[in-house]
Amino acid sequence: MSPAQSSPAEAAETYDVVVVGAGFAGLYMLHRLRGLGFSARVYEQGGGVGGTWYWNRYPGARCDVESMQYSYSFSEELQQEWDWSERYAPQVEILKYANHVADRFDLRRDIQFNTRVERAVFDAREKGWSVTTSGGKTVLAQFVVLATGCLSNARKPDIKGLESFKGPVYHTGNWPHEDVDFTDLRVGLIGTGSSGIQSAPIIAEQAKHLTVFQRTANFSIPARNAALTAEERDTFRQNYPEIRRFAREIARNGIYAEQPDRGALDDAEDIRRSKFKARWDRGGLTFMYVYNNLGLDRAANDTAADYVRGKIAEIVKDPATAKLLQPNSHPIGTKRICIDTDYFKTFNRPNVSLVDIKANPIEEITPNAVRVAGHDHEVDALVMATGFDAMTGSVAKIDIHGPGGQTLNQKWAEGPKTYLGLMSAGFPNLFIITGPGSPSVLSNMIVSIEQHVDWIADCLTHMRERGLATMEAGGDAEEKWVAHVNEVAHGTLYPQANSWYMGANVPGKPRIFMPYIGGVGVYRRICDEVAAKGYEGFVMEAEMQPRKAVRG
């Protein structure tokens, strides 16, 4: 299977597959490859497994998908035996779960930690990849699988004077592994996306003063987090077959929940408000499930957005602060909705202030302050909750060269192009898990990860059984898929938001709607049909003949 079998290069280690990343995608990919008899090596830049949950240790970090659903389904024993403690698992518990999986399935022996993949070059003659790591070592593999994650590349803002700041600077996406104590400190928090919204209440409880610098107000729904009872866990476990089937085949975002049967304007206002209230009181991402057209029709969307804006006005006592916290730049749900615990209530504390940096952006950071509109907001510590170079950032850090010498970064300079989010034309035997052009970040990530890993595993088995050496996305199939992804997106309200779905949070990044919004179930059926038709749209080449005579 591997290029080294016919390569005169003797010394390099060879594998059937190199996997980049040991988060939830890399762990399951390794497990599947092992089970199918493929040799594999995983390279992980962190010091442990867990991916996003290894890096994101900021105060209040937890998943926005309920823990009983944000979990692997591939092992019945695992899902029956693991006890989640809360409705929404905190980062510590999710990381513990990832470590448990790595140990339970004996995965660590094939993972190399503290190692970045820096370069991958495809050798057209040998029909395989040469992969160079941060230690300068090069290995050979027939296939490379990028399990690099969608939210794992922390984006540091380019703010004048940041390097001159005398106090500690933290990034929520690359938090220290030891506890950070903000007691008696004046803290500046820059950013009000999910990590800012989760961390602000906890930092405010510790800090002498917290100043939140907000560029864009975000819609956030109460989490209503609580301890899970044994009865709740048992009910879930008994119903797992139906819950998992529903998440894979029916739910648009891979989350089991009651589905709406009508649009927002089909109900009278009093009924509509009572339904919004019921979902608000229940909490969580399923607030957007109240009606079936909230992401499609602006008038319908406005009813939900107005309801949430009204709740913010009820919670926040100072009218000027409440107004600043009410989002008005995008339809609700077109940026990933945040879920929180007492975020809006935090602004009622006497030691918390809100600074609008949309009207007046940060001018510069001085050794002990953040300067906005000529005023210095003095701070002792800075927390950057400035998000990620999402979906493509971690891939872009690797220097990937196709057989013609073109790099993947050059190809994606105008925006990422893939076929099904799985492969990119011109880069044979290079797979991407939950890449741009797949549901990925619009879904329960583990549902999408398992689907992609299973599809890739079946594909590699198909190739092995037929003696096929290479596979890549066909150019025409890719162009049609990119057009389809954009067409479906533009049939919704999503492109109206300057979100990280569009790459809008990274200056200079091309604006292209990256995830596939057609739904997890629809996407799965498309992928299955492509495979059933002999991997339609992909180009496959037969195994080369052994060249033993050349070696002699």
Protein backbone atom coordinates (compact mmCIF):
# COMPACT_ATOMS: atom_id res chain seq x y z
CA MET A 1 0.00 0.00 0.00
CA SER A 2 2.68 2.54 0.86
CA PRO A 3 4.94 4.33 -1.60
CA ALA A 4 8.03 3.04 0.16
CA GLN A 5 7.41 -0.47 -1.15
CA SER A 6 8.74 0.64 -4.51
CA SER A 7 10.90 3.52 -3.39
CA PRO A 8 14.68 3.40 -3.47
CA ALA A 9 14.64 5.65 -0.39
CA GLU A 10 15.45 3.13 2.32
CA ALA A 11 15.59 5.00 5.60
CA ALA A 12 12.29 6.87 5.82
CA GLU A 13 9.55 5.41 8.03
CA THR A 14 6.53 4.50 5.95
CA TYR A 15 2.84 4.27 6.77
CA ASP A 16 -0.30 3.69 4.81
CA VAL A 17 -1.80 6.82 6.38
CA VAL A 18 -0.49 9.88 8.21
CA VAL A 19 -3.19 11.62 10.26
CA VAL A 20 -2.65 15.25 11.30
CA GLY A 21 -4.30 16.02 14.65
CA ALA A 22 -5.37 13.99 17.69
CA GLY A 23 -8.67 15.66 18.48
CA PHE A 24 -12.00 13.84 18.21
CA ALA A 25 -11.54 13.38 14.45
CA GLY A 26 -7.96 12.09 14.62
CA LEU A 27 -8.71 9.66 17.46
CA TYR A 28 -11.64 8.05 15.68
CA MET A 29 -9.77 8.00 12.34
CA LEU A 30 -6.89 6.14 13.97
CA HIS A 31 -9.29 3.67 15.60
CA ARG A 32 -10.97 2.91 12.26
CA LEU A 33 -7.69 2.59 10.35
CA ARG A 34 -6.32 0.18 12.93
CA GLY A 35 -9.45 -1.95 12.75
CA LEU A 36 -9.10 -2.20 8.96
CA GLY A 37 -5.44 -3.21 9.09
CA PHE A 38 -3.92 0.03 7.79
CA SER A 39 -0.68 1.24 9.33
CA ALA A 40 -1.08 4.80 10.62
CA ARG A 41 0.77 7.53 12.48
CA VAL A 42 -0.89 10.53 14.09
CA TYR A 43 1.03 13.77 14.61
CA GLU A 44 -0.36 16.20 17.19
CA GLN A 45 1.10 19.65 17.87
CA GLY A 46 -0.26 19.70 21.45
CA GLY A 47 1.03 17.74 24.41
CA GLY A 48 -2.09 15.57 24.63
CA VAL A 49 -5.26 14.44 22.89
CA GLY A 50 -8.49 16.43 22.67
CA GLY A 51 -7.87 19.05 19.98
CA THR A 52 -10.10 22.07 20.60
CA TRP A 53 -10.66 20.87 24.17
CA TYR A 54 -6.93 20.59 24.81
CA TRP A 55 -6.32 24.24 23.88
CA ASN A 56 -9.52 25.98 25.01
CA ARG A 57 -9.18 25.96 28.82
CA TYR A 58 -10.46 29.48 29.46
CA PRO A 59 -12.78 30.13 32.44
CA GLY A 60 -16.28 28.85 31.71
CA ALA A 61 -15.32 26.85 28.60
CA ARG A 62 -17.95 24.24 27.85
CA CYS A 63 -19.69 22.71 24.85
CA ASP A 64 -22.85 24.24 23.40
CA VAL A 65 -24.19 20.80 22.37
CA GLU A 66 -25.64 18.69 25.18
CA SER A 67 -23.07 16.23 26.49
CA MET A 68 -25.21 13.13 25.93
CA GLN A 69 -25.19 14.05 22.23
CA TYR A 70 -21.68 15.50 22.02
CA SER A 71 -20.15 12.05 22.31
CA TYR A 72 -19.02 9.18 20.12
CA SER A 73 -21.61 6.68 18.91
CA PHE A 74 -19.22 4.12 17.36
CA SER A 75 -18.90 2.07 20.58
CA GLU A 76 -22.06 0.94 22.30
CA GLU A 77 -20.11 0.07 25.48
CA LEU A 78 -18.54 3.54 25.57
CA GLN A 79 -21.83 5.40 25.25
CA GLN A 80 -23.54 3.17 27.82
CA GLU A 81 -20.76 3.35 30.41
CA TRP A 82 -19.46 6.93 30.34
CA ASP A 83 -21.26 9.13 32.87
CA TRP A 84 -21.59 12.77 31.85
CA SER A 85 -22.10 14.92 34.95
CA GLU A 86 -23.88 17.95 33.44
CA ARG A 87 -26.29 18.83 30.64
CA TYR A 88 -23.46 20.81 29.02
CA ALA A 89 -20.09 19.29 29.78
CA PRO A 90 -17.30 21.62 30.90
CA GLN A 91 -13.95 21.59 29.09
CA VAL A 92 -12.25 19.60 31.86
CA GLU A 93 -14.76 16.78 31.53
CA ILE A 94 -14.66 16.69 27.71
CA LEU A 95 -10.86 16.50 27.84
CA LYS A 96 -11.11 13.69 30.40
CA TYR A 97 -13.47 11.87 28.01
CA ALA A 98 -11.01 12.27 25.10
CA ASN A 99 -8.22 10.84 27.28
CA HIS A 100 -10.47 7.99 28.37
CA VAL A 101 -11.15 7.13 24.70
CA ALA A 102 -7.43 7.27 23.86
CA ASP A 103 -6.66 4.87 26.73
CA ARG A 104 -9.67 2.59 26.29
CA PHE A 105 -8.82 1.91 22.63
CA ASP A 106 -5.02 1.97 23.20
CA LEU A 107 -4.50 4.80 20.71
CA ARG A 108 -1.52 6.62 22.23
CA ARG A 109 1.12 4.22 20.90
CA ASP A 110 0.45 5.51 17.36
CA ILE A 111 0.32 9.21 18.28
CA GLN A 112 3.36 11.48 18.42
CA PHE A 113 2.70 14.56 20.57
CA ASN A 114 4.36 17.99 20.57
CA THR A 115 4.96 17.54 16.85
CA ARG A 116 3.69 19.79 14.08
CA VAL A 117 3.37 18.66 10.48
CA GLU A 118 5.12 21.47 8.64
CA ARG A 119 5.26 20.22 5.06
CA ALA A 120 3.67 17.57 2.87
CA VAL A 121 4.79 17.00 -0.74
CA PHE A 122 3.12 14.59 -3.15
CA ASP A 123 5.50 12.50 -5.25
CA ALA A 124 3.76 11.74 -8.56
CA ARG A 125 6.24 9.00 -9.41
CA GLU A 126 5.87 7.19 -6.11
CA LYS A 127 2.18 8.09 -5.82
CA GLY A 128 2.43 9.04 -2.18
CA TRP A 129 3.20 11.80 0.29
CA SER A 130 6.46 12.87 1.88
CA VAL A 131 5.57 14.41 5.25
CA THR A 132 8.03 16.56 7.24
CA THR A 133 7.48 17.28 10.92
CA SER A 134 8.70 20.05 13.23
CA GLY A 135 11.58 17.85 14.40
CA GLY A 136 12.91 17.80 10.85
CA LYS A 137 11.96 14.15 10.37
CA THR A 138 10.39 13.02 7.09
CA VAL A 139 8.08 10.02 6.75
CA LEU A 140 6.33 8.54 3.73
CA ALA A 141 2.65 7.70 3.44
CA GLN A 142 0.28 6.80 0.65
CA PHE A 143 -2.49 8.90 2.22
CA VAL A 144 -2.64 11.99 4.42
CA VAL A 145 -5.77 12.77 6.45
CA LEU A 146 -6.10 16.31 7.81
CA ALA A 147 -7.92 16.04 11.15
CA THR A 148 -6.76 19.54 12.02
CA GLY A 149 -10.06 20.83 13.38
CA CYS A 150 -12.21 23.82 12.48
CA LEU A 151 -11.70 25.83 15.68
CA SER A 152 -8.14 25.03 16.68
CA ASN A 153 -6.11 27.89 15.19
CA ALA A 154 -6.36 30.82 17.60
CA ARG A 155 -6.44 34.21 15.86
CA LYS A 156 -4.37 36.88 17.54
CA PRO A 157 -5.57 40.38 16.68
CA ASP A 158 -3.22 42.89 15.11
CA ILE A 159 -3.62 45.81 17.53
CA LYS A 160 -1.10 48.61 17.65
CA GLY A 161 1.02 48.54 20.81
CA LEU A 162 -0.05 45.08 22.00
CA GLU A 163 3.56 43.99 22.42
CA SER A 164 4.20 46.96 24.73
CA PHE A 165 1.60 45.87 27.30
CA LYS A 166 3.32 45.15 30.63
CA GLY A 167 0.75 42.76 32.13
CA PRO A 168 -0.11 39.19 31.15
CA VAL A 169 -1.96 38.64 27.85
CA TYR A 170 -4.11 35.52 27.46
CA HIS A 171 -5.91 34.09 24.44
CA THR A 172 -9.02 32.02 25.12
CA GLY A 173 -8.01 29.59 22.35
CA ASN A 174 -4.53 28.98 23.80
CA TRP A 175 -5.07 29.22 27.55
CA PRO A 176 -2.42 28.27 30.15
CA HIS A 177 -2.71 24.78 31.62
CA GLU A 178 -2.48 26.10 35.16
CA ASP A 179 -5.23 28.13 36.83
CA VAL A 180 -5.24 31.86 36.17
CA ASP A 181 -6.30 34.02 39.13
CA PHE A 182 -7.71 37.47 38.34
CA THR A 183 -8.33 38.41 41.99
CA ASP A 184 -7.81 42.16 42.60
CA LEU A 185 -6.84 42.74 38.96
CA ARG A 186 -8.36 45.10 36.43
CA VAL A 187 -9.02 42.91 33.40
CA GLY A 188 -9.69 43.91 29.81
CA LEU A 189 -11.66 41.36 27.76
CA ILE A 190 -11.53 41.92 24.00
CA GLY A 191 -14.18 40.03 22.06
CA THR A 192 -17.78 38.97 22.69
CA GLY A 193 -18.14 35.76 20.71
CA SER A 194 -18.76 32.44 22.42
CA SER A 195 -15.53 32.35 24.45
CA GLY A 196 -15.95 35.95 25.61
CA ILE A 197 -19.58 35.33 26.57
CA GLN A 198 -18.68 32.16 28.50
CA SER A 199 -15.68 33.63 30.32
CA ALA A 200 -16.95 37.14 31.21
CA PRO A 201 -19.21 36.11 34.15
CA ILE A 202 -16.46 34.04 35.77
CA ILE A 203 -13.73 36.66 35.29
CA ALA A 204 -16.13 39.30 36.68
CA GLU A 205 -16.58 37.31 39.88
CA GLN A 206 -12.83 37.35 40.50
CA ALA A 207 -11.61 40.64 39.06
CA LYS A 208 -11.43 43.99 40.78
CA HIS A 209 -12.89 45.39 37.56
CA LEU A 210 -13.74 43.87 34.17
CA THR A 211 -13.91 46.04 31.06
CA VAL A 212 -15.49 44.26 28.09
CA PHE A 213 -14.54 45.65 24.67
CA GLN A 214 -17.32 44.77 22.21
CA ARG A 215 -17.15 45.17 18.46
CA THR A 216 -20.23 43.15 17.57
CA ALA A 217 -23.10 42.38 19.93
CA ASN A 218 -24.10 38.72 19.82
CA PHE A 219 -27.34 36.84 20.31
CA SER A 220 -27.04 34.52 23.29
CA ILE A 221 -29.57 32.14 24.84
CA PRO A 222 -29.41 30.89 28.46
CA ALA A 223 -27.80 27.46 28.73
CA ARG A 224 -29.93 26.43 31.75
CA ASN A 225 -27.09 24.09 32.58
CA ALA A 226 -27.71 21.60 35.38
CA ALA A 227 -26.43 18.34 36.80
CA LEU A 228 -27.66 15.28 34.92
CA THR A 229 -29.62 12.81 36.99
CA ALA A 230 -29.13 9.07 36.70
CA GLU A 231 -32.68 8.87 35.31
CA GLU A 232 -31.93 11.43 32.57
CA ARG A 233 -28.78 9.54 31.56
CA ASP A 234 -30.64 6.21 31.51
CA THR A 235 -33.46 7.62 29.38
CA PHE A 236 -30.92 8.87 26.86
CA ARG A 237 -29.07 5.56 26.80
CA GLN A 238 -32.24 3.54 26.29
CA ASN A 239 -33.17 5.78 23.36
CA TYR A 240 -29.71 6.12 21.84
CA PRO A 241 -30.49 4.10 18.66
CA GLU A 242 -33.31 6.48 17.71
CA ILE A 243 -31.48 9.60 18.95
CA ARG A 244 -28.38 8.79 16.88
CA ARG A 245 -30.43 7.84 13.79
CA PHE A 246 -32.39 11.08 14.03
CA ALA A 247 -29.22 13.16 14.46
CA ARG A 248 -27.57 11.55 11.41
CA GLU A 249 -30.51 11.37 9.03
CA ILE A 250 -33.14 13.97 9.94
CA ALA A 251 -31.83 16.86 12.05
CA ARG A 252 -30.31 19.60 9.91
CA ASN A 253 -27.57 20.24 12.45
CA GLY A 254 -27.06 16.74 13.82
CA ILE A 255 -28.82 17.50 17.11
CA TYR A 256 -31.79 15.46 18.30
CA ALA A 257 -34.61 17.85 19.18
CA GLU A 258 -38.27 18.44 18.54
CA GLN A 259 -38.66 19.63 14.95
CA PRO A 260 -40.88 22.58 14.01
CA ASP A 261 -43.88 22.04 11.75
CA ARG A 262 -44.66 25.66 10.83
CA GLY A 263 -43.27 29.10 10.13
CA ALA A 264 -43.13 31.95 12.62
CA LEU A 265 -45.86 33.97 10.93
CA ASP A 266 -48.25 31.02 10.89
CA ASP A 267 -48.95 31.62 14.59
CA ALA A 268 -50.67 34.58 16.23
CA GLU A 269 -48.33 36.86 18.17
CA ASP A 270 -49.38 35.65 21.64
CA ILE A 271 -48.86 31.99 20.68
CA ARG A 272 -45.54 32.83 19.03
CA ARG A 273 -44.30 34.64 22.15
CA SER A 274 -45.32 31.75 24.39
CA LYS A 275 -43.38 29.33 22.17
CA PHE A 276 -40.30 31.57 22.24
CA LYS A 277 -40.61 31.84 26.02
CA ALA A 278 -40.83 28.05 26.40
CA ARG A 279 -37.62 27.59 24.39
CA TRP A 280 -35.88 30.48 26.20
CA ASP A 281 -36.80 28.90 29.54
CA ARG A 282 -35.57 25.49 28.38
CA GLY A 283 -32.34 27.05 27.09
CA GLY A 284 -29.79 25.98 24.53
CA LEU A 285 -29.22 25.99 20.78
CA THR A 286 -32.66 24.56 20.06
CA PHE A 287 -34.14 28.04 20.50
CA MET A 288 -33.81 28.27 16.69
CA TYR A 289 -36.01 25.17 16.34
CA VAL A 290 -39.14 27.04 17.41
CA TYR A 291 -40.07 27.60 13.75
CA ASN A 292 -38.90 26.12 10.47
CA ASN A 293 -38.23 29.37 8.60
CA LEU A 294 -36.13 31.44 11.01
CA GLY A 295 -33.04 30.98 8.86
CA LEU A 296 -34.87 31.59 5.59
CA ASP A 297 -37.32 34.46 5.98
CA ARG A 298 -36.26 37.84 7.38
CA ALA A 299 -39.72 38.74 8.70
CA ALA A 300 -39.90 35.41 10.54
CA ASN A 301 -36.34 35.86 11.80
CA ASP A 302 -37.16 39.34 13.11
CA THR A 303 -39.79 37.88 15.45
CA ALA A 304 -37.14 35.70 17.15
CA ALA A 305 -34.49 38.44 17.13
CA ASP A 306 -36.92 40.95 18.63
CA TYR A 307 -37.85 38.49 21.37
CA VAL A 308 -34.20 38.01 22.38
CA ARG A 309 -33.50 41.75 22.20
CA GLY A 310 -36.49 42.24 24.51
CA LYS A 311 -35.09 39.71 26.99
CA ILE A 312 -31.73 41.53 27.02
CA ALA A 313 -33.55 44.80 27.77
CA GLU A 314 -35.38 43.06 30.65
CA ILE A 315 -32.19 41.64 32.16
CA VAL A 316 -29.75 44.55 31.81
CA LYS A 317 -30.71 47.42 34.12
CA ASP A 318 -28.81 50.26 32.45
CA PRO A 319 -30.72 51.18 29.24
CA ALA A 320 -27.60 52.44 27.40
CA THR A 321 -25.69 49.22 28.17
CA ALA A 322 -28.71 47.09 27.23
CA LYS A 323 -28.95 48.88 23.88
CA LEU A 324 -25.27 48.22 23.14
CA LEU A 325 -25.74 44.54 23.99
CA GLN A 326 -28.72 44.13 21.66
CA PRO A 327 -27.50 42.76 18.31
CA ASN A 328 -28.74 44.62 15.26
CA SER A 329 -26.09 43.90 12.59
CA HIS A 330 -27.19 40.40 11.59
CA PRO A 331 -30.25 38.11 11.65
CA ILE A 332 -30.41 35.82 14.67
CA GLY A 333 -28.75 32.46 14.05
CA THR A 334 -26.68 33.60 11.06
CA LYS A 335 -23.69 33.72 13.37
CA ARG A 336 -23.50 30.67 15.60
CA ILE A 337 -25.83 31.44 18.48
CA CYS A 338 -24.05 31.58 21.82
CA ILE A 339 -25.38 29.98 24.95
CA ASP A 340 -24.47 31.46 28.30
CA THR A 341 -24.80 31.39 32.06
CA ASP A 342 -25.66 34.86 33.38
CA TYR A 343 -23.76 36.76 30.67
CA PHE A 344 -26.19 39.67 30.33
CA LYS A 345 -26.74 39.77 34.09
CA THR A 346 -22.98 40.27 34.51
CA PHE A 347 -23.34 43.83 33.19
CA ASN A 348 -25.45 44.71 36.23
CA ARG A 349 -22.40 44.22 38.45
CA PRO A 350 -20.78 47.45 39.72
CA ASN A 351 -17.32 46.14 38.71
CA VAL A 352 -18.17 45.53 35.04
CA SER A 353 -18.23 48.06 32.20
CA LEU A 354 -18.88 47.76 28.48
CA VAL A 355 -16.96 49.70 25.83
CA ASP A 356 -18.24 49.90 22.26
CA ILE A 357 -15.34 49.47 19.82
CA LYS A 358 -17.52 49.34 16.73
CA ALA A 359 -18.17 53.09 16.73
CA ASN A 360 -14.65 53.79 18.03
CA PRO A 361 -12.15 50.97 17.38
CA ILE A 362 -9.23 50.39 19.74
CA GLU A 363 -6.59 53.00 18.85
CA GLU A 364 -3.74 51.28 20.60
CA ILE A 365 -2.69 49.34 23.64
CA THR A 366 -0.28 51.14 25.95
CA PRO A 367 1.87 49.49 28.65
CA ASN A 368 -1.05 49.63 31.11
CA ALA A 369 -4.24 50.53 29.23
CA VAL A 370 -6.49 50.08 26.21
CA ARG A 371 -7.01 53.40 24.41
CA VAL A 372 -10.41 53.99 22.80
CA ALA A 373 -11.53 57.39 21.46
CA GLY A 374 -8.68 59.08 23.26
CA HIS A 375 -9.60 57.57 26.63
CA ASP A 376 -7.28 55.14 28.42
CA HIS A 377 -9.04 52.22 30.08
CA GLU A 378 -6.44 51.08 32.60
CA VAL A 379 -6.04 47.31 32.91
CA ASP A 380 -3.61 44.93 34.61
CA ALA A 381 -4.31 41.89 32.41
CA LEU A 382 -5.72 41.33 28.92
CA VAL A 383 -7.86 38.45 27.69
CA MET A 384 -8.15 38.07 23.91
CA ALA A 385 -11.42 36.33 23.07
CA THR A 386 -10.82 37.02 19.39
CA GLY A 387 -11.73 33.66 17.97
CA PHE A 388 -10.14 31.51 15.31
CA ASP A 389 -9.01 31.46 11.73
CA ALA A 390 -11.85 28.99 11.34
CA MET A 391 -12.09 25.95 9.06
CA THR A 392 -8.97 26.69 6.99
CA GLY A 393 -6.49 28.26 9.42
CA SER A 394 -4.94 25.04 10.71
CA VAL A 395 -4.66 23.59 7.19
CA ALA A 396 -3.06 26.82 5.96
CA LYS A 397 -0.24 26.43 8.48
CA ILE A 398 0.97 23.32 6.63
CA ASP A 399 3.00 23.78 3.44
CA ILE A 400 1.12 21.30 1.22
CA HIS A 401 2.41 20.75 -2.34
CA GLY A 402 0.46 18.85 -5.00
CA PRO A 403 2.10 16.87 -7.83
CA GLY A 404 2.31 19.94 -10.07
CA GLY A 405 4.10 21.98 -7.41
CA GLN A 406 1.07 24.14 -6.61
CA THR A 407 0.47 24.61 -2.89
CA LEU A 408 -2.95 24.22 -1.30
CA ASN A 409 -2.62 27.78 0.04
CA GLN A 410 -2.12 29.07 -3.51
CA LYS A 411 -5.14 27.15 -4.71
CA TRP A 412 -7.28 28.40 -1.82
CA ALA A 413 -6.09 32.03 -2.07
CA GLU A 414 -9.49 33.02 -3.52
CA GLY A 415 -11.33 30.89 -0.97
CA PRO A 416 -11.29 27.17 -0.18
CA LYS A 417 -12.51 24.82 -2.89
CA THR A 418 -13.32 21.19 -2.21
CA TYR A 419 -15.50 18.39 -3.47
CA LEU A 420 -17.89 17.42 -0.64
CA GLY A 421 -15.52 19.06 1.85
CA LEU A 422 -13.47 15.83 1.66
CA MET A 423 -10.83 16.43 -1.03
CA SER A 424 -9.47 19.29 -3.13
CA ALA A 425 -8.72 18.82 -6.85
CA GLY A 426 -5.01 18.68 -7.62
CA PHE A 427 -4.12 17.06 -4.28
CA PRO A 428 -4.37 13.25 -4.60
CA ASN A 429 -4.76 11.02 -1.55
CA LEU A 430 -5.27 14.04 0.71
CA PHE A 431 -8.46 13.83 2.77
CA ILE A 432 -9.93 16.54 5.00
CA ILE A 433 -12.24 15.74 7.91
CA THR A 434 -15.09 18.29 8.25
CA GLY A 435 -13.45 20.58 5.71
CA PRO A 436 -14.98 23.63 4.03
CA GLY A 437 -17.85 22.55 1.81
CA SER A 438 -19.24 20.10 4.40
CA PRO A 439 -21.75 20.76 7.25
CA SER A 440 -18.94 20.80 9.83
CA VAL A 441 -19.31 23.87 12.09
CA LEU A 442 -23.04 24.15 11.34
CA SER A 443 -23.56 20.79 13.01
CA ASN A 444 -22.95 18.71 16.09
CA MET A 445 -19.27 18.22 15.23
CA ILE A 446 -19.04 14.63 16.44
CA VAL A 447 -21.89 13.52 14.17
CA SER A 448 -20.08 15.10 11.21
CA ILE A 449 -16.69 13.74 12.29
CA GLU A 450 -17.98 10.16 12.53
CA GLN A 451 -19.65 10.41 9.13
CA HIS A 452 -16.47 11.70 7.44
CA VAL A 453 -14.19 9.18 9.14
CA ASP A 454 -16.47 6.28 8.18
CA TRP A 455 -16.68 7.54 4.58
CA ILE A 456 -12.88 7.85 4.31
CA ALA A 457 -12.36 4.42 5.91
CA ASP A 458 -14.79 2.82 3.43
CA CYS A 459 -13.07 4.64 0.58
CA LEU A 460 -9.58 3.42 1.55
CA THR A 461 -10.93 -0.13 1.81
CA HIS A 462 -12.50 0.24 -1.66
CA MET A 463 -9.14 1.37 -3.08
CA ARG A 464 -7.19 -1.43 -1.40
CA GLU A 465 -9.59 -4.11 -2.63
CA ARG A 466 -9.28 -2.84 -6.22
CA GLY A 467 -5.55 -2.15 -6.24
CA LEU A 468 -6.02 1.60 -6.71
CA ALA A 469 -3.06 3.86 -5.94
CA THR A 470 -4.46 7.37 -6.09
CA MET A 471 -7.71 9.23 -5.77
CA GLU A 472 -8.48 12.92 -6.11
CA ALA A 473 -11.43 15.21 -6.61
CA GLY A 474 -12.31 15.84 -10.24
CA GLY A 475 -12.12 19.51 -11.23
CA ASP A 476 -15.62 19.65 -12.71
CA ALA A 477 -17.19 17.88 -9.72
CA GLU A 478 -15.43 20.33 -7.40
CA GLU A 479 -16.61 23.41 -9.30
CA LYS A 480 -20.18 22.12 -9.31
CA TRP A 481 -20.04 21.36 -5.57
CA VAL A 482 -18.64 24.81 -4.67
CA ALA A 483 -21.41 26.39 -6.76
CA HIS A 484 -24.01 24.21 -5.02
CA VAL A 485 -22.68 25.09 -1.53
CA ASN A 486 -22.92 28.79 -2.34
CA GLU A 487 -26.31 28.51 -4.02
CA VAL A 488 -27.79 26.76 -0.99
CA ALA A 489 -26.21 29.31 1.37
CA HIS A 490 -27.59 32.25 -0.60
CA GLY A 491 -31.07 30.78 -0.35
CA THR A 492 -30.81 31.52 3.39
CA LEU A 493 -30.15 34.55 5.59
CA TYR A 494 -26.69 33.33 6.63
CA PRO A 495 -24.56 35.33 4.15
CA GLN A 496 -26.10 38.53 5.56
CA ALA A 497 -23.81 38.22 8.58
CA ASN A 498 -20.12 39.10 8.59
CA SER A 499 -19.36 35.86 10.40
CA TRP A 500 -16.41 33.49 10.64
CA TYR A 501 -18.50 31.15 8.46
CA MET A 502 -17.59 33.66 5.73
CA GLY A 503 -14.02 34.22 6.96
CA ALA A 504 -15.08 37.78 7.83
CA ASN A 505 -13.29 37.80 11.19
CA VAL A 506 -9.85 37.57 9.53
CA PRO A 507 -8.70 40.69 7.64
CA GLY A 508 -7.92 39.90 4.00
CA LYS A 509 -9.45 36.40 4.11
CA PRO A 510 -11.64 35.79 1.03
CA ARG A 511 -15.38 36.02 1.67
CA ILE A 512 -16.87 32.70 0.72
CA PHE A 513 -19.51 30.80 2.65
CA MET A 514 -17.48 27.82 3.83
CA PRO A 515 -19.79 25.24 5.46
CA TYR A 516 -22.55 23.34 3.63
CA ILE A 517 -25.89 24.54 4.94
CA GLY A 518 -28.10 21.95 3.23
CA GLY A 519 -28.29 19.83 6.36
CA VAL A 520 -26.47 16.87 7.87
CA GLY A 521 -28.98 14.28 6.63
CA VAL A 522 -29.09 15.61 3.06
CA TYR A 523 -25.29 15.82 2.95
CA ARG A 524 -24.89 12.25 4.24
CA ARG A 525 -27.21 10.96 1.50
CA ILE A 526 -25.21 12.83 -1.16
CA CYS A 527 -21.93 11.32 0.11
CA ASP A 528 -23.44 7.83 0.26
CA GLU A 529 -24.77 8.15 -3.31
CA VAL A 530 -21.38 9.30 -4.58
CA ALA A 531 -19.73 6.25 -3.00
CA ALA A 532 -22.44 3.88 -4.27
CA LYS A 533 -21.78 5.12 -7.82
CA GLY A 534 -18.11 4.12 -7.59
CA TYR A 535 -17.04 7.46 -6.07
CA GLU A 536 -18.58 9.54 -8.79
CA GLY A 537 -16.75 12.81 -9.40
CA PHE A 538 -13.46 11.47 -8.04
CA VAL A 539 -10.59 10.33 -10.28
CA MET A 540 -8.88 7.08 -9.33
CA GLU A 541 -5.76 5.48 -10.77
CA ALA A 542 -4.62 1.87 -10.56
CA GLU A 543 -1.65 0.68 -8.52
CA MET A 544 1.65 1.05 -10.32
CA GLN A 545 3.55 -2.09 -11.23
CA PRO A 546 6.28 -3.15 -8.78
CA ARG A 547 9.72 -2.01 -9.96
CA LYS A 548 11.85 -4.56 -8.14
CA ALA A 549 14.23 -4.88 -11.09
CA VAL A 550 15.14 -1.21 -10.82
CA ARG A 551 16.33 -1.71 -7.25
CA GLY A 552 18.68 -4.59 -8.13
